[in-house]
Structures are given as C-alpha cells and as structure tokens.
Amino acid sequence: MDAKRMKIDEKEMDAATRNQFAAEKHAIIYKKYRPQADSTAIQRIINYVKEKRSTSLTLAVDIACGSGQGTGSLAPHFDKVIGIDISSAQINEAIRTNKDKNVEYKVGDAENIPVPDNSVELVTCSQAVHWFDFDTFLREVDRILTPNGVIAVYSRGDYVLLHDDPVLEKELTTIYKECTWKTLKNYWNDPVHATRQRGYVDLNIPYPDFYRCTMQSSLDMNLTDLTGFISSFTAYQRFRKENPDEDIFTPLHARFLRALNANTEADKTIVTTGCPLYLLMARKPDEEEMKRFHFTFEEKKRIK
C-alpha cells in the first residue's frame, strides 16, 4: 500500500472538520460502535454542576454530540437536554435511535451555538473539542451559560488492551496499535489528534473555578465490536476511501485469536479495553464575579 501522508492546513481545517462525519454510512457505524459516555465521568460532572445549584437542573447542551453517545446520559439529570452536531447525518441517526422524551437533537455549529444567551446550566463536549477553534467556542459557551453554569470537556485517550497476563496484555496492545497507528498512520490529522493525545494539556478555560483531572476508563467488547470501533475512526474512513478493496480486519481478528489461543469466533471473543479519560471542567462566575471575569476574558482575547 502506497499511501500519501495526509496533511490539512489551517485554511482547509474548517471544511475538513465539517466533512469528517458527514456520510450517512459513517453515522450508522458511529452510532453502533462508539462507546457510550463513561458513567463515572458523567456523575463527576453532575456533582460539580450541583455544588452551586439548590434547584432542579433545567437545561444542558451537548456540543458535537455525534449520534448521541453522551447526550442521553444527561437526560436523567435535567428537564431538557439538547444535542447539537454539525453533521445532519449524525443528527438524523441520533433522532432515529433516541429513547429519551426530554432530549432534542438539532444541527448546529460549536462556534455559533443555536441557543439563547444565559439559558444553559451545563455545556458538555465529548471527544470533539480538538476539532474546534477553541477560543471562539469558549466565547459561545460563555454567552449561553447562566451564572454558575458549567462547561465540561472530556475525551478518551489512546486505548490499550488489558489482560491479567502482562506479557499477553503487551502483545494484544501491540496488535491493536499496529493497526491503529501503523496501518492507519498516514490517515490521521496530526495537529488535531496531537491535542487529544496530549490529554488536552494545551487547553485552558479562563474561568477562576477551573478543574482538570485524568481518570481511567475500561470497557469489555468482543473483537467484532473492537474492529467496528476502529472503523468509526476518521483515519479509517480516509483509509477506506483510498483502499476500498483492502480488508484489514479479517487478518486483525486472526492475530488476536491466535494470541488469545481462542477457539471462538470474533463476535464471541471478549477483550477488555482501557484508556485514560481526560476531563476539564470550569464554572462561569456568578454575578458578583462577572465583571472581573469579563475583563480577564477580553484581556486574554486582546493579548492573543
């Protein structure tokens, strides 16, 4: 395979971002194989929101919601939840599979959020903020948050495969990474994914009450679901476009099965994945703090 290295410059970034998840088939794959939001992370976010809330929670907005992996997890905690994504295909898939009566999905832009000023108590963004103009996104979040409203940004990092046997764990992880970071190497958007790989250490939210942590997340899945997950990557979608006839998953299944000495089929062979989960949370100042904050926010913007 002779693949050209893909590079997306800043002028192309906006159009590239808008087209990453636009295909209907990709949206279906995304919905089927992307894991749901980590429940521990969601509970930590909700607890943080409630620290300065004595009344019930009214409205949350999930930005770049995809097909709803994290949106529905907010439904038990708010009167209403709105999931917003730039891809109409993703939103159509989210609407098609939505089971929560208090969740609404709409097409919209993270840098021009279709929500009124000072109306939202929580803004979340999972696995996507590295695609945004972050400062523009923050200004929009500041516009729609109520005083003491919270922004929570989170993302899973690079996966490993876990096993009780450390030697086997290393072998399984090597097989996984040879696929995701060797076979697909030329198809990642390096500047964008480097931000995520570094755990969002380059990102700061300029509210005084700002919290950052790294958690550990794990999930059991069968090998078919694991390769389905890989097929949801933008890098794989690019690879597939250039190599429509190349099957990388059948030999990948075979390597895993040999390593595990398993006699079962791929869809009946369970593996455990693990990864770091990076969480950034910040609280918009209340009215007494607002004047000082806005000076700080605008001064930060002006200096840049």
C-alpha atoms as a PDB file:
ATOM      1  CA  MET A   1       0.000   0.000   0.000  1.00  0.00           C
ATOM      2  CA  ASP A   2       1.480   3.322  -1.147  1.00  0.00           C
ATOM      3  CA  ALA A   3      -0.413   5.959   0.829  1.00  0.00           C
ATOM      4  CA  LYS A   4       0.285   9.660   0.747  1.00  0.00           C
ATOM      5  CA  ARG A   5       0.608  11.390   4.063  1.00  0.00           C
ATOM      6  CA  MET A   6      -2.463  13.438   4.729  1.00  0.00           C
ATOM      7  CA  LYS A   7      -1.952  16.972   5.969  1.00  0.00           C
ATOM      8  CA  ILE A   8      -4.690  19.528   6.467  1.00  0.00           C
ATOM      9  CA  ASP A   9      -3.561  23.127   6.665  1.00  0.00           C
ATOM     10  CA  GLU A  10      -5.368  25.830   8.605  1.00  0.00           C
ATOM     11  CA  LYS A  11      -7.254  27.132   5.546  1.00  0.00           C
ATOM     12  CA  GLU A  12      -8.688  23.690   4.924  1.00  0.00           C
ATOM     13  CA  MET A  13      -9.384  22.868   8.571  1.00  0.00           C
ATOM     14  CA  ASP A  14     -12.893  24.317   8.777  1.00  0.00           C
ATOM     15  CA  ALA A  15     -14.147  22.495   5.686  1.00  0.00           C
ATOM     16  CA  ALA A  16     -12.376  19.304   6.763  1.00  0.00           C
ATOM     17  CA  THR A  17     -13.966  19.463  10.205  1.00  0.00           C
ATOM     18  CA  ARG A  18     -17.428  19.890   8.720  1.00  0.00           C
ATOM     19  CA  ASN A  19     -16.963  16.851   6.486  1.00  0.00           C
ATOM     20  CA  GLN A  20     -15.386  14.444   8.983  1.00  0.00           C
ATOM     21  CA  PHE A  21     -18.621  12.732   9.998  1.00  0.00           C
ATOM     22  CA  ALA A  22     -20.971  13.810   7.203  1.00  0.00           C
ATOM     23  CA  ALA A  23     -21.527  10.454   5.484  1.00  0.00           C
ATOM     24  CA  GLU A  24     -24.713   8.585   6.354  1.00  0.00           C
ATOM     25  CA  LYS A  25     -22.926   5.208   6.479  1.00  0.00           C
ATOM     26  CA  HIS A  26     -20.319   6.639   8.837  1.00  0.00           C
ATOM     27  CA  ALA A  27     -23.060   7.962  11.138  1.00  0.00           C
ATOM     28  CA  ILE A  28     -24.589   4.471  11.352  1.00  0.00           C
ATOM     29  CA  ILE A  29     -21.191   2.930  12.163  1.00  0.00           C
ATOM     30  CA  TYR A  30     -20.545   5.683  14.695  1.00  0.00           C
ATOM     31  CA  LYS A  31     -23.827   5.022  16.475  1.00  0.00           C
ATOM     32  CA  LYS A  32     -23.333   1.250  16.506  1.00  0.00           C
ATOM     33  CA  TYR A  33     -19.725   1.062  17.654  1.00  0.00           C
ATOM     34  CA  ARG A  34     -18.735   4.203  19.542  1.00  0.00           C
ATOM     35  CA  PRO A  35     -18.921   3.581  23.314  1.00  0.00           C
ATOM     36  CA  GLN A  36     -21.379   5.445  25.495  1.00  0.00           C
ATOM     37  CA  ALA A  37     -20.129   8.180  27.776  1.00  0.00           C
ATOM     38  CA  ASP A  38     -18.218   6.957  30.825  1.00  0.00           C
ATOM     39  CA  SER A  39     -20.752   6.860  33.695  1.00  0.00           C
ATOM     40  CA  THR A  40     -18.192   7.828  36.355  1.00  0.00           C
ATOM     41  CA  ALA A  41     -17.168  10.892  34.375  1.00  0.00           C
ATOM     42  CA  ILE A  42     -20.801  11.907  33.859  1.00  0.00           C
ATOM     43  CA  GLN A  43     -21.543  11.583  37.567  1.00  0.00           C
ATOM     44  CA  ARG A  44     -18.491  13.672  38.428  1.00  0.00           C
ATOM     45  CA  ILE A  45     -19.719  16.367  36.039  1.00  0.00           C
ATOM     46  CA  ILE A  46     -23.227  16.326  37.518  1.00  0.00           C
ATOM     47  CA  ASN A  47     -21.855  16.554  41.055  1.00  0.00           C
ATOM     48  CA  TYR A  48     -19.765  19.562  40.045  1.00  0.00           C
ATOM     49  CA  VAL A  49     -22.803  21.287  38.497  1.00  0.00           C
ATOM     50  CA  LYS A  50     -24.856  20.709  41.657  1.00  0.00           C
ATOM     51  CA  GLU A  51     -22.231  22.178  44.001  1.00  0.00           C
ATOM     52  CA  LYS A  52     -23.698  25.655  43.448  1.00  0.00           C
ATOM     53  CA  ARG A  53     -27.244  24.722  42.460  1.00  0.00           C
ATOM     54  CA  SER A  54     -30.014  24.426  45.032  1.00  0.00           C
ATOM     55  CA  THR A  55     -32.819  23.952  42.499  1.00  0.00           C
ATOM     56  CA  SER A  56     -33.523  21.315  39.875  1.00  0.00           C
ATOM     57  CA  LEU A  57     -31.477  21.436  36.697  1.00  0.00           C
ATOM     58  CA  THR A  58     -33.296  22.829  33.682  1.00  0.00           C
ATOM     59  CA  LEU A  59     -31.179  22.706  30.525  1.00  0.00           C
ATOM     60  CA  ALA A  60     -27.978  21.005  29.326  1.00  0.00           C
ATOM     61  CA  VAL A  61     -26.445  21.250  25.867  1.00  0.00           C
ATOM     62  CA  ASP A  62     -24.152  18.564  24.429  1.00  0.00           C
ATOM     63  CA  ILE A  63     -21.979  20.054  21.679  1.00  0.00           C
ATOM     64  CA  ALA A  64     -20.686  17.871  18.823  1.00  0.00           C
ATOM     65  CA  CYS A  65     -23.000  15.178  20.140  1.00  0.00           C
ATOM     66  CA  GLY A  66     -22.465  12.834  17.215  1.00  0.00           C
ATOM     67  CA  SER A  67     -25.227  10.237  17.242  1.00  0.00           C
ATOM     68  CA  GLY A  68     -25.920  10.790  20.951  1.00  0.00           C
ATOM     69  CA  GLN A  69     -23.339   8.691  22.830  1.00  0.00           C
ATOM     70  CA  GLY A  70     -23.108  11.194  25.681  1.00  0.00           C
ATOM     71  CA  THR A  71     -26.321  13.172  25.280  1.00  0.00           C
ATOM     72  CA  GLY A  72     -28.700  10.583  26.653  1.00  0.00           C
ATOM     73  CA  SER A  73     -26.610  10.125  29.788  1.00  0.00           C
ATOM     74  CA  LEU A  74     -27.564  13.676  30.808  1.00  0.00           C
ATOM     75  CA  ALA A  75     -31.301  13.056  30.419  1.00  0.00           C
ATOM     76  CA  PRO A  76     -31.966  11.763  33.976  1.00  0.00           C
ATOM     77  CA  HIS A  77     -30.440  14.896  35.482  1.00  0.00           C
ATOM     78  CA  PHE A  78     -32.061  17.741  33.501  1.00  0.00           C
ATOM     79  CA  ASP A  79     -35.553  18.800  32.496  1.00  0.00           C
ATOM     80  CA  LYS A  80     -34.301  19.164  28.936  1.00  0.00           C
ATOM     81  CA  VAL A  81     -31.149  18.202  27.022  1.00  0.00           C
ATOM     82  CA  ILE A  82     -30.223  19.441  23.549  1.00  0.00           C
ATOM     83  CA  GLY A  83     -27.673  17.587  21.445  1.00  0.00           C
ATOM     84  CA  ILE A  84     -26.065  19.682  18.707  1.00  0.00           C
ATOM     85  CA  ASP A  85     -23.823  18.493  15.882  1.00  0.00           C
ATOM     86  CA  ILE A  86     -22.688  19.988  12.596  1.00  0.00           C
ATOM     87  CA  SER A  87     -23.395  16.750  10.725  1.00  0.00           C
ATOM     88  CA  SER A  88     -27.006  16.259   9.647  1.00  0.00           C
ATOM     89  CA  ALA A  89     -26.274  12.539   9.142  1.00  0.00           C
ATOM     90  CA  GLN A  90     -25.183  12.187  12.761  1.00  0.00           C
ATOM     91  CA  ILE A  91     -28.212  14.148  13.988  1.00  0.00           C
ATOM     92  CA  ASN A  92     -30.604  12.054  11.888  1.00  0.00           C
ATOM     93  CA  GLU A  93     -29.115   8.899  13.393  1.00  0.00           C
ATOM     94  CA  ALA A  94     -29.409  10.369  16.902  1.00  0.00           C
ATOM     95  CA  ILE A  95     -33.063  11.253  16.313  1.00  0.00           C
ATOM     96  CA  ARG A  96     -33.794   7.827  14.830  1.00  0.00           C
ATOM     97  CA  THR A  97     -32.451   5.995  17.889  1.00  0.00           C
ATOM     98  CA  ASN A  98     -33.461   8.498  20.603  1.00  0.00           C
ATOM     99  CA  LYS A  99     -35.388   6.955  23.503  1.00  0.00           C
ATOM    100  CA  ASP A 100     -35.437   9.950  25.872  1.00  0.00           C
ATOM    101  CA  LYS A 101     -38.518  12.187  25.716  1.00  0.00           C
ATOM    102  CA  ASN A 102     -36.634  15.145  27.210  1.00  0.00           C
ATOM    103  CA  VAL A 103     -33.769  15.003  24.677  1.00  0.00           C
ATOM    104  CA  GLU A 104     -33.843  17.040  21.471  1.00  0.00           C
ATOM    105  CA  TYR A 105     -31.305  16.941  18.644  1.00  0.00           C
ATOM    106  CA  LYS A 106     -30.542  19.685  16.154  1.00  0.00           C
ATOM    107  CA  VAL A 107     -27.940  20.578  13.559  1.00  0.00           C
ATOM    108  CA  GLY A 108     -25.682  23.395  14.687  1.00  0.00           C
ATOM    109  CA  ASP A 109     -22.159  24.745  14.911  1.00  0.00           C
ATOM    110  CA  ALA A 110     -19.987  24.659  18.032  1.00  0.00           C
ATOM    111  CA  GLU A 111     -18.749  28.142  17.132  1.00  0.00           C
ATOM    112  CA  ASN A 112     -22.270  29.542  16.642  1.00  0.00           C
ATOM    113  CA  ILE A 113     -24.413  27.587  19.091  1.00  0.00           C
ATOM    114  CA  PRO A 114     -28.172  27.878  18.334  1.00  0.00           C
ATOM    115  CA  VAL A 115     -29.211  28.500  21.954  1.00  0.00           C
ATOM    116  CA  PRO A 116     -30.284  31.769  23.685  1.00  0.00           C
ATOM    117  CA  ASP A 117     -27.971  33.785  25.953  1.00  0.00           C
ATOM    118  CA  ASN A 118     -27.735  32.845  29.645  1.00  0.00           C
ATOM    119  CA  SER A 119     -30.016  29.831  29.300  1.00  0.00           C
ATOM    120  CA  VAL A 120     -27.861  26.742  29.910  1.00  0.00           C
ATOM    121  CA  GLU A 121     -26.624  25.233  33.176  1.00  0.00           C
ATOM    122  CA  LEU A 122     -24.259  22.703  31.619  1.00  0.00           C
ATOM    123  CA  VAL A 123     -22.411  22.539  28.303  1.00  0.00           C
ATOM    124  CA  THR A 124     -20.640  19.261  27.551  1.00  0.00           C
ATOM    125  CA  CYS A 125     -18.392  18.252  24.693  1.00  0.00           C
ATOM    126  CA  SER A 126     -17.042  14.731  24.345  1.00  0.00           C
ATOM    127  CA  GLN A 127     -14.280  13.550  22.051  1.00  0.00           C
ATOM    128  CA  ALA A 128     -14.556  16.576  19.748  1.00  0.00           C
ATOM    129  CA  VAL A 129     -13.214  19.855  21.094  1.00  0.00           C
ATOM    130  CA  HIS A 130      -9.858  19.281  19.381  1.00  0.00           C
ATOM    131  CA  TRP A 131     -11.676  19.964  16.078  1.00  0.00           C
ATOM    132  CA  PHE A 132     -12.824  23.465  17.123  1.00  0.00           C
ATOM    133  CA  ASP A 133     -11.462  26.976  17.125  1.00  0.00           C
ATOM    134  CA  PHE A 134     -11.274  26.713  20.895  1.00  0.00           C
ATOM    135  CA  ASP A 135     -11.362  30.427  21.762  1.00  0.00           C
ATOM    136  CA  THR A 136     -14.417  31.011  19.558  1.00  0.00           C
ATOM    137  CA  PHE A 137     -16.117  28.012  21.124  1.00  0.00           C
ATOM    138  CA  LEU A 138     -15.390  29.327  24.637  1.00  0.00           C
ATOM    139  CA  ARG A 139     -16.892  32.712  23.831  1.00  0.00           C
ATOM    140  CA  GLU A 140     -20.045  30.980  22.639  1.00  0.00           C
ATOM    141  CA  VAL A 141     -20.160  28.815  25.759  1.00  0.00           C
ATOM    142  CA  ASP A 142     -19.765  31.932  27.918  1.00  0.00           C
ATOM    143  CA  ARG A 143     -22.654  33.541  26.051  1.00  0.00           C
ATOM    144  CA  ILE A 144     -25.127  30.710  26.651  1.00  0.00           C
ATOM    145  CA  LEU A 145     -24.143  29.662  30.200  1.00  0.00           C
ATOM    146  CA  THR A 146     -26.040  31.023  33.179  1.00  0.00           C
ATOM    147  CA  PRO A 147     -24.035  32.372  36.134  1.00  0.00           C
ATOM    148  CA  ASN A 148     -22.555  29.329  37.920  1.00  0.00           C
ATOM    149  CA  GLY A 149     -23.156  27.299  34.764  1.00  0.00           C
ATOM    150  CA  VAL A 150     -20.559  24.662  33.938  1.00  0.00           C
ATOM    151  CA  ILE A 151     -18.591  23.682  30.854  1.00  0.00           C
ATOM    152  CA  ALA A 152     -17.267  20.115  30.841  1.00  0.00           C
ATOM    153  CA  VAL A 153     -14.944  18.883  28.091  1.00  0.00           C
ATOM    154  CA  TYR A 154     -13.802  15.273  28.096  1.00  0.00           C
ATOM    155  CA  SER A 155     -12.124  12.753  25.832  1.00  0.00           C
ATOM    156  CA  ARG A 156     -10.786   9.236  25.963  1.00  0.00           C
ATOM    157  CA  GLY A 157      -7.081   8.886  25.164  1.00  0.00           C
ATOM    158  CA  ASP A 158      -5.241   6.098  23.384  1.00  0.00           C
ATOM    159  CA  TYR A 159      -6.541   2.600  24.040  1.00  0.00           C
ATOM    160  CA  VAL A 160      -4.657  -0.427  25.289  1.00  0.00           C
ATOM    161  CA  LEU A 161      -5.939  -3.982  25.683  1.00  0.00           C
ATOM    162  CA  LEU A 162      -5.934  -5.186  29.275  1.00  0.00           C
ATOM    163  CA  HIS A 163      -5.222  -8.713  30.481  1.00  0.00           C
ATOM    164  CA  ASP A 164      -4.243 -10.443  33.729  1.00  0.00           C
ATOM    165  CA  ASP A 165      -1.134 -11.761  31.993  1.00  0.00           C
ATOM    166  CA  PRO A 166       1.182  -8.750  31.444  1.00  0.00           C
ATOM    167  CA  VAL A 167       3.011 -10.448  28.558  1.00  0.00           C
ATOM    168  CA  LEU A 168      -0.242 -11.169  26.760  1.00  0.00           C
ATOM    169  CA  GLU A 169      -1.508  -7.672  27.559  1.00  0.00           C
ATOM    170  CA  LYS A 170       1.545  -6.213  25.822  1.00  0.00           C
ATOM    171  CA  GLU A 171       1.075  -8.482  22.801  1.00  0.00           C
ATOM    172  CA  LEU A 172      -2.627  -7.635  22.431  1.00  0.00           C
ATOM    173  CA  THR A 173      -1.932  -3.920  22.744  1.00  0.00           C
ATOM    174  CA  THR A 174       0.835  -4.172  20.146  1.00  0.00           C
ATOM    175  CA  ILE A 175      -1.538  -5.857  17.695  1.00  0.00           C
ATOM    176  CA  TYR A 176      -4.127  -3.128  18.273  1.00  0.00           C
ATOM    177  CA  LYS A 177      -1.659  -0.266  17.892  1.00  0.00           C
ATOM    178  CA  GLU A 178      -0.031  -1.730  14.794  1.00  0.00           C
ATOM    179  CA  CYS A 179      -3.435  -1.413  13.171  1.00  0.00           C
ATOM    180  CA  THR A 180      -4.478   1.983  14.525  1.00  0.00           C
ATOM    181  CA  TRP A 181      -1.096   3.736  14.484  1.00  0.00           C
ATOM    182  CA  LYS A 182       0.862   1.873  11.796  1.00  0.00           C
ATOM    183  CA  THR A 183      -1.615   0.749   9.158  1.00  0.00           C
ATOM    184  CA  LEU A 184      -3.620   3.964   9.583  1.00  0.00           C
ATOM    185  CA  LYS A 185      -0.622   6.186  10.319  1.00  0.00           C
ATOM    186  CA  ASN A 186      -0.866   8.243   7.131  1.00  0.00           C
ATOM    187  CA  TYR A 187      -4.540   8.973   7.609  1.00  0.00           C
ATOM    188  CA  TRP A 188      -4.649  10.786  10.942  1.00  0.00           C
ATOM    189  CA  ASN A 189      -4.889  14.539  11.092  1.00  0.00           C
ATOM    190  CA  ASP A 190      -1.707  15.013  13.132  1.00  0.00           C
ATOM    191  CA  PRO A 191      -2.207  18.542  14.547  1.00  0.00           C
ATOM    192  CA  VAL A 192      -5.773  17.821  15.628  1.00  0.00           C
ATOM    193  CA  HIS A 193      -5.204  14.414  17.192  1.00  0.00           C
ATOM    194  CA  ALA A 194      -1.977  15.514  18.866  1.00  0.00           C
ATOM    195  CA  THR A 195      -4.103  17.822  21.036  1.00  0.00           C
ATOM    196  CA  ARG A 196      -6.217  14.877  22.156  1.00  0.00           C
ATOM    197  CA  GLN A 197      -3.246  12.544  22.586  1.00  0.00           C
ATOM    198  CA  ARG A 198      -1.601  15.060  24.932  1.00  0.00           C
ATOM    199  CA  GLY A 199      -4.684  14.933  27.115  1.00  0.00           C
ATOM    200  CA  TYR A 200      -5.820  18.480  26.325  1.00  0.00           C
ATOM    201  CA  VAL A 201      -2.908  19.904  28.325  1.00  0.00           C
ATOM    202  CA  ASP A 202      -2.760  22.755  25.800  1.00  0.00           C
ATOM    203  CA  LEU A 203      -6.352  23.772  26.529  1.00  0.00           C
ATOM    204  CA  ASN A 204      -7.357  26.092  29.339  1.00  0.00           C
ATOM    205  CA  ILE A 205     -10.743  27.500  30.255  1.00  0.00           C
ATOM    206  CA  PRO A 206     -10.299  31.048  31.609  1.00  0.00           C
ATOM    207  CA  TYR A 207     -12.794  30.834  34.471  1.00  0.00           C
ATOM    208  CA  PRO A 208     -11.402  31.155  38.013  1.00  0.00           C
ATOM    209  CA  ASP A 209     -13.029  27.877  39.063  1.00  0.00           C
ATOM    210  CA  PHE A 210     -11.227  25.501  36.677  1.00  0.00           C
ATOM    211  CA  TYR A 211     -10.695  21.799  37.286  1.00  0.00           C
ATOM    212  CA  ARG A 212      -8.663  19.242  35.344  1.00  0.00           C
ATOM    213  CA  CYS A 213      -8.235  15.531  36.007  1.00  0.00           C
ATOM    214  CA  THR A 214      -7.344  12.237  34.347  1.00  0.00           C
ATOM    215  CA  MET A 215      -9.445   9.180  35.067  1.00  0.00           C
ATOM    216  CA  GLN A 216      -9.161   5.585  33.885  1.00  0.00           C
ATOM    217  CA  SER A 217     -11.870   4.033  31.755  1.00  0.00           C
ATOM    218  CA  SER A 218     -12.318   0.399  30.732  1.00  0.00           C
ATOM    219  CA  LEU A 219     -14.824  -1.484  28.632  1.00  0.00           C
ATOM    220  CA  ASP A 220     -15.375  -5.106  27.640  1.00  0.00           C
ATOM    221  CA  MET A 221     -16.224  -5.750  23.988  1.00  0.00           C
ATOM    222  CA  ASN A 222     -15.995  -8.578  21.510  1.00  0.00           C
ATOM    223  CA  LEU A 223     -13.486  -8.481  18.666  1.00  0.00           C
ATOM    224  CA  THR A 224     -16.132  -7.620  16.087  1.00  0.00           C
ATOM    225  CA  ASP A 225     -17.149  -4.582  18.119  1.00  0.00           C
ATOM    226  CA  LEU A 226     -13.493  -3.642  18.603  1.00  0.00           C
ATOM    227  CA  THR A 227     -12.843  -3.577  14.877  1.00  0.00           C
ATOM    228  CA  GLY A 228     -16.185  -1.829  14.386  1.00  0.00           C
ATOM    229  CA  PHE A 229     -14.927   0.828  16.779  1.00  0.00           C
ATOM    230  CA  ILE A 230     -11.744   1.198  14.705  1.00  0.00           C
ATOM    231  CA  SER A 231     -13.894   1.509  11.568  1.00  0.00           C
ATOM    232  CA  SER A 232     -15.577   4.576  13.116  1.00  0.00           C
ATOM    233  CA  PHE A 233     -12.250   6.458  13.222  1.00  0.00           C
ATOM    234  CA  THR A 234     -11.872   9.296  10.740  1.00  0.00           C
ATOM    235  CA  ALA A 235      -8.458   7.831   9.892  1.00  0.00           C
ATOM    236  CA  TYR A 236     -10.031   4.511   8.887  1.00  0.00           C
ATOM    237  CA  GLN A 237     -12.695   6.281   6.824  1.00  0.00           C
ATOM    238  CA  ARG A 238      -9.948   8.078   4.892  1.00  0.00           C
ATOM    239  CA  PHE A 239      -8.025   4.812   4.507  1.00  0.00           C
ATOM    240  CA  ARG A 240     -11.150   3.063   3.252  1.00  0.00           C
ATOM    241  CA  LYS A 241     -11.795   5.776   0.687  1.00  0.00           C
ATOM    242  CA  GLU A 242      -8.326   5.301  -0.805  1.00  0.00           C
ATOM    243  CA  ASN A 243      -8.277   1.500  -0.384  1.00  0.00           C
ATOM    244  CA  PRO A 244     -11.881   0.325  -0.850  1.00  0.00           C
ATOM    245  CA  ASP A 245     -10.925  -3.300  -1.523  1.00  0.00           C
ATOM    246  CA  GLU A 246      -8.397  -3.792   1.262  1.00  0.00           C
ATOM    247  CA  ASP A 247      -9.639  -5.822   4.252  1.00  0.00           C
ATOM    248  CA  ILE A 248      -7.550  -5.085   7.338  1.00  0.00           C
ATOM    249  CA  PHE A 249      -9.952  -6.592   9.864  1.00  0.00           C
ATOM    250  CA  THR A 250     -10.021 -10.282   8.937  1.00  0.00           C
ATOM    251  CA  PRO A 251      -6.250 -10.664   9.477  1.00  0.00           C
ATOM    252  CA  LEU A 252      -6.542  -8.484  12.586  1.00  0.00           C
ATOM    253  CA  HIS A 253      -9.162 -10.854  14.055  1.00  0.00           C
ATOM    254  CA  ALA A 254      -6.904 -13.801  13.224  1.00  0.00           C
ATOM    255  CA  ARG A 255      -3.928 -12.238  15.030  1.00  0.00           C
ATOM    256  CA  PHE A 256      -5.992 -11.566  18.141  1.00  0.00           C
ATOM    257  CA  LEU A 257      -7.444 -15.078  18.165  1.00  0.00           C
ATOM    258  CA  ARG A 258      -4.003 -16.655  17.815  1.00  0.00           C
ATOM    259  CA  ALA A 259      -2.595 -14.513  20.614  1.00  0.00           C
ATOM    260  CA  LEU A 260      -5.513 -15.438  22.872  1.00  0.00           C
ATOM    261  CA  ASN A 261      -5.347 -19.106  21.819  1.00  0.00           C
ATOM    262  CA  ALA A 262      -9.107 -18.802  21.346  1.00  0.00           C
ATOM    263  CA  ASN A 263     -11.306 -21.311  19.531  1.00  0.00           C
ATOM    264  CA  THR A 264     -14.283 -18.950  19.415  1.00  0.00           C
ATOM    265  CA  GLU A 265     -15.469 -16.668  16.620  1.00  0.00           C
ATOM    266  CA  ALA A 266     -14.534 -12.993  16.693  1.00  0.00           C
ATOM    267  CA  ASP A 267     -18.023 -11.916  17.764  1.00  0.00           C
ATOM    268  CA  LYS A 268     -17.877 -14.277  20.751  1.00  0.00           C
ATOM    269  CA  THR A 269     -14.325 -13.448  21.875  1.00  0.00           C
ATOM    270  CA  ILE A 270     -14.290 -10.809  24.599  1.00  0.00           C
ATOM    271  CA  VAL A 271     -11.400  -8.447  25.256  1.00  0.00           C
ATOM    272  CA  THR A 272     -11.060  -5.610  27.760  1.00  0.00           C
ATOM    273  CA  THR A 273     -10.011  -2.197  26.543  1.00  0.00           C
ATOM    274  CA  GLY A 274      -8.627   0.521  28.758  1.00  0.00           C
ATOM    275  CA  CYS A 275      -7.667   4.149  28.277  1.00  0.00           C
ATOM    276  CA  PRO A 276      -7.154   7.403  30.135  1.00  0.00           C
ATOM    277  CA  LEU A 277     -10.107   9.767  30.188  1.00  0.00           C
ATOM    278  CA  TYR A 278      -9.251  13.471  30.273  1.00  0.00           C
ATOM    279  CA  LEU A 279     -11.784  15.773  31.914  1.00  0.00           C
ATOM    280  CA  LEU A 280     -11.751  19.575  32.016  1.00  0.00           C
ATOM    281  CA  MET A 281     -14.482  21.424  33.941  1.00  0.00           C
ATOM    282  CA  ALA A 282     -14.974  25.084  34.746  1.00  0.00           C
ATOM    283  CA  ARG A 283     -17.719  27.167  36.301  1.00  0.00           C
ATOM    284  CA  LYS A 284     -18.865  30.518  34.950  1.00  0.00           C
ATOM    285  CA  PRO A 285     -18.610  33.158  37.706  1.00  0.00           C
ATOM    286  CA  ASP A 286     -21.757  34.382  39.401  1.00  0.00           C
ATOM    287  CA  GLU A 287     -22.962  37.959  39.007  1.00  0.00           C
ATOM    288  CA  GLU A 288     -20.637  39.347  41.688  1.00  0.00           C
ATOM    289  CA  GLU A 289     -17.599  37.832  39.986  1.00  0.00           C
ATOM    290  CA  MET A 290     -18.769  38.519  36.438  1.00  0.00           C
ATOM    291  CA  LYS A 291     -17.255  41.961  35.947  1.00  0.00           C
ATOM    292  CA  ARG A 292     -13.781  40.775  36.890  1.00  0.00           C
ATOM    293  CA  PHE A 293     -14.100  37.673  34.768  1.00  0.00           C
ATOM    294  CA  HIS A 294     -15.134  39.537  31.627  1.00  0.00           C
ATOM    295  CA  PHE A 295     -12.161  41.841  31.987  1.00  0.00           C
ATOM    296  CA  THR A 296      -9.909  38.816  32.244  1.00  0.00           C
ATOM    297  CA  PHE A 297     -11.604  37.070  29.303  1.00  0.00           C
ATOM    298  CA  GLU A 298     -11.485  40.092  26.995  1.00  0.00           C
ATOM    299  CA  GLU A 299      -7.925  40.917  28.037  1.00  0.00           C
ATOM    300  CA  LYS A 300      -6.908  37.357  27.207  1.00  0.00           C
ATOM    301  CA  LYS A 301      -8.536  37.678  23.798  1.00  0.00           C
ATOM    302  CA  ARG A 302      -6.929  41.076  23.133  1.00  0.00           C
ATOM    303  CA  ILE A 303      -3.445  39.871  24.061  1.00  0.00           C
ATOM    304  CA  LYS A 304      -3.767  36.950  21.653  1.00  0.00           C
END
